[in-house]
C-alpha atoms as a PDB file:
ATOM      1  CA  MET A   1       5.194  15.010  -5.124  1.00  0.00           C
ATOM      2  CA  ASP A   2       4.306  14.700  -1.533  1.00  0.00           C
ATOM      3  CA  PHE A   3       2.023  12.014  -0.892  1.00  0.00           C
ATOM      4  CA  GLY A   4       1.927  12.384   2.913  1.00  0.00           C
ATOM      5  CA  ARG A   5       2.763  10.450   5.922  1.00  0.00           C
ATOM      6  CA  LEU A   6      -0.267   7.942   6.042  1.00  0.00           C
ATOM      7  CA  ILE A   7      -1.313   5.978   2.851  1.00  0.00           C
ATOM      8  CA  THR A   8      -3.933   3.013   2.569  1.00  0.00           C
ATOM      9  CA  ALA A   9      -3.612   0.536   0.277  1.00  0.00           C
ATOM     10  CA  MET A  10      -7.219   0.302  -0.124  1.00  0.00           C
ATOM     11  CA  VAL A  11      -9.243  -2.955  -0.757  1.00  0.00           C
ATOM     12  CA  THR A  12     -11.580  -3.390  -3.669  1.00  0.00           C
ATOM     13  CA  PRO A  13     -15.262  -3.661  -2.501  1.00  0.00           C
ATOM     14  CA  PHE A  14     -16.764  -6.804  -4.465  1.00  0.00           C
ATOM     15  CA  GLU A  15     -20.489  -7.913  -4.818  1.00  0.00           C
ATOM     16  CA  PRO A  16     -21.375 -11.278  -3.926  1.00  0.00           C
ATOM     17  CA  ASN A  17     -21.182 -12.267  -7.809  1.00  0.00           C
ATOM     18  CA  GLY A  18     -17.536 -11.368  -7.745  1.00  0.00           C
ATOM     19  CA  GLY A  19     -18.065  -7.802  -9.588  1.00  0.00           C
ATOM     20  CA  ILE A  20     -17.193  -4.390  -8.254  1.00  0.00           C
ATOM     21  CA  ASN A  21     -19.090  -2.827  -5.892  1.00  0.00           C
ATOM     22  CA  TRP A  22     -19.049   0.768  -6.467  1.00  0.00           C
ATOM     23  CA  ASP A  23     -21.530   2.293  -4.331  1.00  0.00           C
ATOM     24  CA  GLU A  24     -19.272   0.719  -1.525  1.00  0.00           C
ATOM     25  CA  THR A  25     -16.192   1.954  -3.323  1.00  0.00           C
ATOM     26  CA  ALA A  26     -17.433   5.218  -2.933  1.00  0.00           C
ATOM     27  CA  LYS A  27     -18.283   4.824   0.738  1.00  0.00           C
ATOM     28  CA  LEU A  28     -14.915   3.212   1.343  1.00  0.00           C
ATOM     29  CA  ILE A  29     -12.743   6.055  -0.042  1.00  0.00           C
ATOM     30  CA  GLU A  30     -15.199   8.537   1.903  1.00  0.00           C
ATOM     31  CA  TYR A  31     -14.278   6.762   5.184  1.00  0.00           C
ATOM     32  CA  LEU A  32     -10.745   6.362   4.459  1.00  0.00           C
ATOM     33  CA  ILE A  33     -10.190  10.081   3.813  1.00  0.00           C
ATOM     34  CA  VAL A  34     -12.494  11.601   6.358  1.00  0.00           C
ATOM     35  CA  GLU A  35     -12.534   9.155   9.004  1.00  0.00           C
ATOM     36  CA  GLN A  36      -9.317   7.542   8.796  1.00  0.00           C
ATOM     37  CA  LYS A  37      -7.182  10.732   7.770  1.00  0.00           C
ATOM     38  CA  SER A  38      -5.119   8.906   4.820  1.00  0.00           C
ATOM     39  CA  ASP A  39      -3.215  11.203   2.901  1.00  0.00           C
ATOM     40  CA  SER A  40      -3.278   9.095  -0.323  1.00  0.00           C
ATOM     41  CA  LEU A  41      -4.924   6.113  -1.521  1.00  0.00           C
ATOM     42  CA  VAL A  42      -2.926   3.207  -3.524  1.00  0.00           C
ATOM     43  CA  ILE A  43      -5.847   1.617  -6.135  1.00  0.00           C
ATOM     44  CA  ALA A  44      -5.158  -1.425  -7.547  1.00  0.00           C
ATOM     45  CA  GLY A  45      -2.092  -2.586  -5.186  1.00  0.00           C
ATOM     46  CA  THR A  46      -1.498  -6.467  -3.742  1.00  0.00           C
ATOM     47  CA  THR A  47      -4.193  -5.390  -1.147  1.00  0.00           C
ATOM     48  CA  GLY A  48      -6.896  -4.223  -3.848  1.00  0.00           C
ATOM     49  CA  GLU A  49      -6.295  -7.794  -5.360  1.00  0.00           C
ATOM     50  CA  SER A  50      -4.605  -6.540  -8.383  1.00  0.00           C
ATOM     51  CA  PRO A  51      -3.673 -10.320  -9.862  1.00  0.00           C
ATOM     52  CA  THR A  52      -7.337 -11.229 -10.339  1.00  0.00           C
ATOM     53  CA  LEU A  53      -8.364  -7.406 -11.560  1.00  0.00           C
ATOM     54  CA  SER A  54      -8.748  -7.152 -14.938  1.00  0.00           C
ATOM     55  CA  GLU A  55      -7.416  -4.269 -16.849  1.00  0.00           C
ATOM     56  CA  ALA A  56     -10.648  -2.852 -17.468  1.00  0.00           C
ATOM     57  CA  GLU A  57     -11.440  -3.054 -13.725  1.00  0.00           C
ATOM     58  CA  LYS A  58      -8.290  -1.298 -12.800  1.00  0.00           C
ATOM     59  CA  LEU A  59      -8.843   1.575 -15.444  1.00  0.00           C
ATOM     60  CA  GLU A  60     -12.372   1.909 -14.183  1.00  0.00           C
ATOM     61  CA  LEU A  61     -11.110   2.092 -10.671  1.00  0.00           C
ATOM     62  CA  PHE A  62      -8.644   4.725 -11.038  1.00  0.00           C
ATOM     63  CA  LYS A  63     -11.138   6.797 -12.558  1.00  0.00           C
ATOM     64  CA  PHE A  64     -13.595   6.393 -10.241  1.00  0.00           C
ATOM     65  CA  ALA A  65     -11.132   7.205  -7.012  1.00  0.00           C
ATOM     66  CA  VAL A  66      -9.793  10.128  -8.939  1.00  0.00           C
ATOM     67  CA  LYS A  67     -13.312  11.717  -9.197  1.00  0.00           C
ATOM     68  CA  GLN A  68     -14.169  10.419  -5.698  1.00  0.00           C
ATOM     69  CA  ALA A  69     -11.467  12.036  -3.621  1.00  0.00           C
ATOM     70  CA  ALA A  70     -11.716  15.107  -5.545  1.00  0.00           C
ATOM     71  CA  GLY A  71      -8.285  16.324  -4.740  1.00  0.00           C
ATOM     72  CA  ARG A  72      -8.931  15.487  -0.858  1.00  0.00           C
ATOM     73  CA  SER A  73      -6.238  12.630  -1.176  1.00  0.00           C
ATOM     74  CA  LYS A  74      -3.871  11.686  -3.831  1.00  0.00           C
ATOM     75  CA  ILE A  75      -4.918   8.819  -6.034  1.00  0.00           C
ATOM     76  CA  ILE A  76      -1.623   6.138  -6.860  1.00  0.00           C
ATOM     77  CA  ALA A  77      -2.093   3.630  -9.235  1.00  0.00           C
ATOM     78  CA  GLY A  78      -0.825   0.031  -8.877  1.00  0.00           C
ATOM     79  CA  THR A  79       0.158  -0.424 -12.446  1.00  0.00           C
ATOM     80  CA  GLY A  80       3.538  -2.841 -11.688  1.00  0.00           C
ATOM     81  CA  SER A  81       3.569  -6.492 -13.067  1.00  0.00           C
ATOM     82  CA  ASN A  82       6.573  -8.877 -14.263  1.00  0.00           C
ATOM     83  CA  ASP A  83       5.864  -7.653 -18.062  1.00  0.00           C
ATOM     84  CA  THR A  84       7.594  -4.331 -18.338  1.00  0.00           C
ATOM     85  CA  ALA A  85       5.894  -3.187 -21.864  1.00  0.00           C
ATOM     86  CA  HIS A  86       2.207  -3.848 -20.165  1.00  0.00           C
ATOM     87  CA  SER A  87       3.344  -1.825 -17.183  1.00  0.00           C
ATOM     88  CA  ALA A  88       4.505   1.145 -19.265  1.00  0.00           C
ATOM     89  CA  ASP A  89       1.516   0.722 -21.242  1.00  0.00           C
ATOM     90  CA  LEU A  90      -1.012   0.451 -18.220  1.00  0.00           C
ATOM     91  CA  THR A  91       0.996   3.524 -16.467  1.00  0.00           C
ATOM     92  CA  ASN A  92       0.605   5.556 -19.723  1.00  0.00           C
ATOM     93  CA  LYS A  93      -3.450   4.524 -19.064  1.00  0.00           C
ATOM     94  CA  ALA A  94      -3.427   5.262 -15.658  1.00  0.00           C
ATOM     95  CA  GLU A  95      -2.015   8.907 -16.180  1.00  0.00           C
ATOM     96  CA  ASN A  96      -4.523   9.376 -18.638  1.00  0.00           C
ATOM     97  CA  CYS A  97      -7.267   8.607 -16.045  1.00  0.00           C
ATOM     98  CA  GLY A  98      -5.695  11.755 -14.105  1.00  0.00           C
ATOM     99  CA  VAL A  99      -4.105   9.871 -11.142  1.00  0.00           C
ATOM    100  CA  ASP A 100      -1.426  11.390  -8.815  1.00  0.00           C
ATOM    101  CA  GLY A 101       1.417   8.667  -9.077  1.00  0.00           C
ATOM    102  CA  ILE A 102       2.202   5.319  -9.899  1.00  0.00           C
ATOM    103  CA  LEU A 103       3.102   2.363  -7.347  1.00  0.00           C
ATOM    104  CA  LEU A 104       5.593  -0.237  -9.414  1.00  0.00           C
ATOM    105  CA  VAL A 105       5.917  -3.652  -7.600  1.00  0.00           C
ATOM    106  CA  ALA A 106       9.142  -5.413  -8.494  1.00  0.00           C
ATOM    107  CA  PRO A 107       8.670  -7.797 -11.168  1.00  0.00           C
ATOM    108  CA  TYR A 108       7.672 -11.330  -9.548  1.00  0.00           C
ATOM    109  CA  TYR A 109       8.177 -14.991 -10.828  1.00  0.00           C
ATOM    110  CA  ASN A 110      10.878 -13.926 -13.797  1.00  0.00           C
ATOM    111  CA  LYS A 111      13.853 -13.361 -10.844  1.00  0.00           C
ATOM    112  CA  PRO A 112      15.469 -10.903 -12.936  1.00  0.00           C
ATOM    113  CA  ASN A 113      19.221  -9.838 -11.872  1.00  0.00           C
ATOM    114  CA  GLN A 114      19.869  -6.185 -10.389  1.00  0.00           C
ATOM    115  CA  GLU A 115      20.350  -4.586 -13.803  1.00  0.00           C
ATOM    116  CA  GLY A 116      17.305  -6.199 -15.007  1.00  0.00           C
ATOM    117  CA  LEU A 117      15.283  -4.935 -12.093  1.00  0.00           C
ATOM    118  CA  TYR A 118      16.709  -1.199 -12.841  1.00  0.00           C
ATOM    119  CA  GLN A 119      16.156  -1.292 -16.600  1.00  0.00           C
ATOM    120  CA  HIS A 120      12.307  -2.775 -16.007  1.00  0.00           C
ATOM    121  CA  PHE A 121      11.875   0.367 -13.335  1.00  0.00           C
ATOM    122  CA  LYS A 122      13.582   2.972 -15.634  1.00  0.00           C
ATOM    123  CA  ALA A 123      11.854   1.889 -18.798  1.00  0.00           C
ATOM    124  CA  ILE A 124       8.485   2.449 -17.051  1.00  0.00           C
ATOM    125  CA  ALA A 125       9.320   5.786 -15.369  1.00  0.00           C
ATOM    126  CA  GLU A 126      10.437   7.009 -18.601  1.00  0.00           C
ATOM    127  CA  ALA A 127       6.763   6.354 -20.062  1.00  0.00           C
ATOM    128  CA  THR A 128       5.093   8.559 -17.470  1.00  0.00           C
ATOM    129  CA  SER A 129       5.754  12.297 -16.312  1.00  0.00           C
ATOM    130  CA  LEU A 130       4.051  10.934 -12.899  1.00  0.00           C
ATOM    131  CA  PRO A 131       5.935  10.491 -10.015  1.00  0.00           C
ATOM    132  CA  VAL A 132       6.580   6.892  -9.160  1.00  0.00           C
ATOM    133  CA  MET A 133       6.921   4.931  -5.832  1.00  0.00           C
ATOM    134  CA  LEU A 134       8.831   1.550  -6.241  1.00  0.00           C
ATOM    135  CA  TYR A 135       7.405  -1.285  -3.919  1.00  0.00           C
ATOM    136  CA  ASN A 136      10.102  -3.659  -2.946  1.00  0.00           C
ATOM    137  CA  VAL A 137       8.407  -6.870  -1.266  1.00  0.00           C
ATOM    138  CA  PRO A 138      10.714  -9.947  -1.196  1.00  0.00           C
ATOM    139  CA  GLY A 139       8.050 -11.931   0.391  1.00  0.00           C
ATOM    140  CA  ARG A 140       5.648 -11.762  -2.417  1.00  0.00           C
ATOM    141  CA  THR A 141       7.995 -11.278  -5.523  1.00  0.00           C
ATOM    142  CA  GLY A 142      10.706 -13.601  -4.437  1.00  0.00           C
ATOM    143  CA  ILE A 143      13.176 -11.109  -5.550  1.00  0.00           C
ATOM    144  CA  SER A 144      14.468  -8.263  -3.448  1.00  0.00           C
ATOM    145  CA  LEU A 145      15.291  -4.804  -4.947  1.00  0.00           C
ATOM    146  CA  SER A 146      19.035  -3.994  -3.436  1.00  0.00           C
ATOM    147  CA  THR A 147      19.728  -0.899  -1.372  1.00  0.00           C
ATOM    148  CA  ALA A 148      22.381   0.163  -4.474  1.00  0.00           C
ATOM    149  CA  THR A 149      19.720  -0.399  -6.998  1.00  0.00           C
ATOM    150  CA  THR A 150      17.062   1.527  -5.476  1.00  0.00           C
ATOM    151  CA  LEU A 151      19.379   4.454  -4.857  1.00  0.00           C
ATOM    152  CA  ARG A 152      20.486   3.851  -8.521  1.00  0.00           C
ATOM    153  CA  LEU A 153      16.778   4.302  -9.535  1.00  0.00           C
ATOM    154  CA  ALA A 154      16.549   7.327  -7.147  1.00  0.00           C
ATOM    155  CA  GLN A 155      18.628   9.255  -9.338  1.00  0.00           C
ATOM    156  CA  ILE A 156      16.001   9.286 -12.060  1.00  0.00           C
ATOM    157  CA  PRO A 157      13.955  12.623 -11.659  1.00  0.00           C
ATOM    158  CA  ASN A 158      10.590  11.081 -11.411  1.00  0.00           C
ATOM    159  CA  ILE A 159      10.941   8.211  -8.813  1.00  0.00           C
ATOM    160  CA  ALA A 160      10.151   9.731  -6.000  1.00  0.00           C
ATOM    161  CA  ALA A 161       9.932   7.280  -3.185  1.00  0.00           C
ATOM    162  CA  THR A 162      10.050   3.687  -2.339  1.00  0.00           C
ATOM    163  CA  LYS A 163       7.633   1.363  -0.282  1.00  0.00           C
ATOM    164  CA  GLU A 164      10.329  -0.868   1.362  1.00  0.00           C
ATOM    165  CA  CYS A 165       9.243  -4.289   2.619  1.00  0.00           C
ATOM    166  CA  ALA A 166      12.783  -6.091   3.090  1.00  0.00           C
ATOM    167  CA  SER A 167      13.836  -5.108   6.659  1.00  0.00           C
ATOM    168  CA  ILE A 168      14.458  -2.096   8.873  1.00  0.00           C
ATOM    169  CA  ASP A 169      18.208  -2.269   8.105  1.00  0.00           C
ATOM    170  CA  GLN A 170      17.666  -1.703   4.412  1.00  0.00           C
ATOM    171  CA  VAL A 171      15.347   1.036   5.126  1.00  0.00           C
ATOM    172  CA  THR A 172      17.993   2.660   7.026  1.00  0.00           C
ATOM    173  CA  ALA A 173      20.428   2.220   4.517  1.00  0.00           C
ATOM    174  CA  ILE A 174      18.074   3.683   1.604  1.00  0.00           C
ATOM    175  CA  VAL A 175      17.413   6.805   3.901  1.00  0.00           C
ATOM    176  CA  ALA A 176      21.201   7.430   4.829  1.00  0.00           C
ATOM    177  CA  GLY A 177      22.063   7.044   0.873  1.00  0.00           C
ATOM    178  CA  ALA A 178      18.858   9.104  -0.725  1.00  0.00           C
ATOM    179  CA  PRO A 179      19.228  11.948  -2.597  1.00  0.00           C
ATOM    180  CA  GLU A 180      16.981  14.847  -1.187  1.00  0.00           C
ATOM    181  CA  GLY A 181      13.329  14.796  -2.158  1.00  0.00           C
ATOM    182  CA  PHE A 182      13.480  11.134  -2.313  1.00  0.00           C
ATOM    183  CA  THR A 183      11.124   9.373   0.467  1.00  0.00           C
ATOM    184  CA  VAL A 184      10.958   6.020   2.161  1.00  0.00           C
ATOM    185  CA  TYR A 185       7.690   4.550   3.471  1.00  0.00           C
ATOM    186  CA  SER A 186       7.576   1.280   5.248  1.00  0.00           C
ATOM    187  CA  GLY A 187       5.434  -1.068   3.499  1.00  0.00           C
ATOM    188  CA  ASP A 188       4.736  -3.200   7.069  1.00  0.00           C
ATOM    189  CA  ASP A 189       2.389  -1.644   9.457  1.00  0.00           C
ATOM    190  CA  SER A 190       4.049  -3.167  12.702  1.00  0.00           C
ATOM    191  CA  ALA A 191       7.518  -1.414  11.418  1.00  0.00           C
ATOM    192  CA  ALA A 192       5.609   1.754  10.830  1.00  0.00           C
ATOM    193  CA  LEU A 193       7.352   3.557  13.941  1.00  0.00           C
ATOM    194  CA  PRO A 194      10.606   1.657  13.905  1.00  0.00           C
ATOM    195  CA  ALA A 195      10.891   3.066  10.308  1.00  0.00           C
ATOM    196  CA  LEU A 196      10.104   6.413  11.214  1.00  0.00           C
ATOM    197  CA  ALA A 197      12.831   6.326  14.121  1.00  0.00           C
ATOM    198  CA  VAL A 198      15.769   5.391  11.461  1.00  0.00           C
ATOM    199  CA  GLY A 199      14.339   8.148   8.845  1.00  0.00           C
ATOM    200  CA  ALA A 200      11.498   6.853   7.142  1.00  0.00           C
ATOM    201  CA  TYR A 201       8.854   9.453   5.970  1.00  0.00           C
ATOM    202  CA  GLY A 202       5.450   7.339   6.320  1.00  0.00           C
ATOM    203  CA  ILE A 203       3.727   4.133   5.873  1.00  0.00           C
ATOM    204  CA  VAL A 204       1.833   2.783   3.320  1.00  0.00           C
ATOM    205  CA  SER A 205      -0.734   0.896   5.392  1.00  0.00           C
ATOM    206  CA  VAL A 206      -3.229  -1.945   5.506  1.00  0.00           C
ATOM    207  CA  ALA A 207      -4.307  -1.392   9.205  1.00  0.00           C
ATOM    208  CA  SER A 208      -5.323   1.973   8.493  1.00  0.00           C
ATOM    209  CA  HIS A 209      -8.576   0.748   7.259  1.00  0.00           C
ATOM    210  CA  ILE A 210      -9.252   0.121  10.757  1.00  0.00           C
ATOM    211  CA  ALA A 211      -7.271   2.128  12.647  1.00  0.00           C
ATOM    212  CA  GLY A 212      -5.821   4.941  10.481  1.00  0.00           C
ATOM    213  CA  ALA A 213      -6.692   7.922  12.798  1.00  0.00           C
ATOM    214  CA  GLN A 214      -4.973   6.382  15.623  1.00  0.00           C
ATOM    215  CA  MET A 215      -1.995   5.490  13.260  1.00  0.00           C
ATOM    216  CA  LYS A 216      -2.002   9.464  11.856  1.00  0.00           C
ATOM    217  CA  GLU A 217      -1.995  10.585  15.657  1.00  0.00           C
ATOM    218  CA  MET A 218       0.988   8.196  16.251  1.00  0.00           C
ATOM    219  CA  ILE A 219       2.997   9.591  13.229  1.00  0.00           C
ATOM    220  CA  GLY A 220       2.142  13.340  14.416  1.00  0.00           C
ATOM    221  CA  ALA A 221       3.118  12.402  17.843  1.00  0.00           C
ATOM    222  CA  TYR A 222       6.565  10.994  16.833  1.00  0.00           C
ATOM    223  CA  VAL A 223       7.551  13.814  14.033  1.00  0.00           C
ATOM    224  CA  GLU A 224       6.783  16.223  16.916  1.00  0.00           C
ATOM    225  CA  GLY A 225       9.248  14.821  19.519  1.00  0.00           C
ATOM    226  CA  LYS A 226       6.491  12.716  21.412  1.00  0.00           C
ATOM    227  CA  VAL A 227       8.280   9.663  21.523  1.00  0.00           C
ATOM    228  CA  THR A 228       6.906   8.035  24.465  1.00  0.00           C
ATOM    229  CA  GLU A 229       3.575   8.943  23.388  1.00  0.00           C
ATOM    230  CA  ALA A 230       4.145   7.639  19.779  1.00  0.00           C
ATOM    231  CA  ALA A 231       5.337   4.635  21.382  1.00  0.00           C
ATOM    232  CA  LYS A 232       2.094   3.811  23.449  1.00  0.00           C
ATOM    233  CA  ILE A 233      -0.072   4.168  20.150  1.00  0.00           C
ATOM    234  CA  HIS A 234       2.140   1.841  18.331  1.00  0.00           C
ATOM    235  CA  GLN A 235       2.020  -0.848  21.447  1.00  0.00           C
ATOM    236  CA  SER A 236      -1.875  -0.679  21.564  1.00  0.00           C
ATOM    237  CA  LEU A 237      -2.092  -1.014  17.931  1.00  0.00           C
ATOM    238  CA  PHE A 238       0.320  -3.833  17.702  1.00  0.00           C
ATOM    239  CA  PRO A 239      -2.106  -6.914  17.953  1.00  0.00           C
ATOM    240  CA  LEU A 240      -4.037  -5.171  14.917  1.00  0.00           C
ATOM    241  CA  PHE A 241      -0.941  -4.909  12.840  1.00  0.00           C
ATOM    242  CA  LYS A 242       0.260  -8.669  13.611  1.00  0.00           C
ATOM    243  CA  GLY A 243      -3.233  -9.979  13.763  1.00  0.00           C
ATOM    244  CA  LEU A 244      -4.219  -9.113  10.210  1.00  0.00           C
ATOM    245  CA  PHE A 245      -1.487 -10.898   8.828  1.00  0.00           C
ATOM    246  CA  GLU A 246      -1.167 -14.030  11.017  1.00  0.00           C
ATOM    247  CA  CYS A 247      -4.848 -14.549  12.214  1.00  0.00           C
ATOM    248  CA  PRO A 248      -3.640 -16.577  13.967  1.00  0.00           C
ATOM    249  CA  ASP A 249      -1.759 -18.591  10.931  1.00  0.00           C
ATOM    250  CA  PRO A 250      -0.744 -16.469   8.098  1.00  0.00           C
ATOM    251  CA  LEU A 251      -3.472 -15.569   6.184  1.00  0.00           C
ATOM    252  CA  PRO A 252      -3.170 -13.760   2.732  1.00  0.00           C
ATOM    253  CA  ASN A 253      -4.001 -10.047   2.370  1.00  0.00           C
ATOM    254  CA  PRO A 254      -6.447  -8.710   2.256  1.00  0.00           C
ATOM    255  CA  ALA A 255      -8.908 -11.398   3.437  1.00  0.00           C
ATOM    256  CA  ALA A 256      -8.541 -10.372   7.231  1.00  0.00           C
ATOM    257  CA  VAL A 257      -8.774  -6.837   6.474  1.00  0.00           C
ATOM    258  CA  LYS A 258     -12.018  -7.150   4.401  1.00  0.00           C
ATOM    259  CA  PHE A 259     -13.675  -9.262   7.042  1.00  0.00           C
ATOM    260  CA  ALA A 260     -12.631  -6.645   9.815  1.00  0.00           C
ATOM    261  CA  LEU A 261     -14.337  -3.883   7.825  1.00  0.00           C
ATOM    262  CA  ASN A 262     -17.271  -6.176   7.103  1.00  0.00           C
ATOM    263  CA  GLU A 263     -17.996  -6.246  10.650  1.00  0.00           C
ATOM    264  CA  ARG A 264     -17.367  -2.675  10.925  1.00  0.00           C
ATOM    265  CA  GLY A 265     -20.354  -2.184   8.488  1.00  0.00           C
ATOM    266  CA  TYR A 266     -18.505  -1.552   5.361  1.00  0.00           C
ATOM    267  CA  GLN A 267     -19.742  -4.381   3.068  1.00  0.00           C
ATOM    268  CA  VAL A 268     -16.945  -4.690   0.845  1.00  0.00           C
ATOM    269  CA  GLY A 269     -17.449  -8.379   0.447  1.00  0.00           C
ATOM    270  CA  GLY A 270     -15.210 -11.191   0.263  1.00  0.00           C
ATOM    271  CA  VAL A 271     -12.089 -11.953  -1.667  1.00  0.00           C
ATOM    272  CA  ARG A 272     -11.445 -13.524  -5.358  1.00  0.00           C
ATOM    273  CA  LEU A 273      -9.759 -16.919  -5.749  1.00  0.00           C
ATOM    274  CA  PRO A 274      -7.476 -18.098  -4.924  1.00  0.00           C
ATOM    275  CA  LEU A 275      -8.162 -16.350  -1.927  1.00  0.00           C
ATOM    276  CA  VAL A 276     -10.427 -17.513   0.541  1.00  0.00           C
ATOM    277  CA  SER A 277     -12.137 -15.946   3.349  1.00  0.00           C
ATOM    278  CA  PRO A 278     -11.326 -16.561   6.901  1.00  0.00           C
ATOM    279  CA  SER A 279     -12.304 -19.577   8.557  1.00  0.00           C
ATOM    280  CA  GLU A 280     -14.531 -19.657  11.852  1.00  0.00           C
ATOM    281  CA  SER A 281     -11.625 -19.870  13.899  1.00  0.00           C
ATOM    282  CA  GLU A 282      -9.734 -17.233  11.806  1.00  0.00           C
ATOM    283  CA  ALA A 283     -13.140 -15.184  12.120  1.00  0.00           C
ATOM    284  CA  ALA A 284     -13.491 -15.261  15.823  1.00  0.00           C
ATOM    285  CA  PHE A 285      -9.853 -14.241  16.334  1.00  0.00           C
ATOM    286  CA  ILE A 286     -10.124 -11.109  14.303  1.00  0.00           C
ATOM    287  CA  ARG A 287     -13.393  -9.895  16.202  1.00  0.00           C
ATOM    288  CA  ASN A 288     -11.448 -10.608  19.367  1.00  0.00           C
ATOM    289  CA  ILE A 289      -8.754  -7.854  18.145  1.00  0.00           C
ATOM    290  CA  LEU A 290     -11.384  -5.610  17.130  1.00  0.00           C
ATOM    291  CA  SER A 291     -12.901  -5.583  20.429  1.00  0.00           C
ATOM    292  CA  SER A 292     -10.045  -5.019  22.334  1.00  0.00           C
ATOM    293  CA  LEU A 293      -9.336  -1.752  20.222  1.00  0.00           C
END
């Protein structure tokens, strides 16, 4: 499965009462595919506020996204958790919803060792025929999937990719040792171009909600050998990459990008507790970034 080079980890639009806004979800999917050039969409990932979505909401989102995308963009379901059995069951249900692939975050809080991580991902991969993308994000999970364990998992036929947020060093090491057909994605927008330079295939992005078309242009320029052009695009987008997460103090994803989308006319609503929307100073900071693009 080729998920493409630009994957957007999509926010989940909410009504003022906190329920899912299905009309805006449809509009957002169209916008991300048509205007922002997303090759694939991650549904119910971290940016989609998976920790506060019920299983029923996730399954409805998967079905809705598959129908709305209608084959124009691949749909990747976020089904990972720190409960192996539950993740395997949700993965199987997601497959029945018609999704194209699965994203599995490293299990948080339990703090398994590397053998536990291997067995966790292996068990879930064996529960589905779909291609699986691993997701290593130590800053959120408190655990890091090592290069050695990632490469061991890459030998499992349907584990097809990884979204790597540990470091450029780890991206480099995984790319160097990966079997043919196993693809590595940066999970950090600000590291997208550096990751491409060391052999990554693409980016699983948050900033692509706002600047996906430019990011697609940057990736295309790099792939075509126009490194200076790619660097200039990266430099122009760098304030957005950093600002959506620093804002100027760290602001939990997806609070900043949802605010930015609302400013651009896409009424995706706020975030569910325990996340909170940007303060007045944070809102002014985001508006300033948007005005400079």
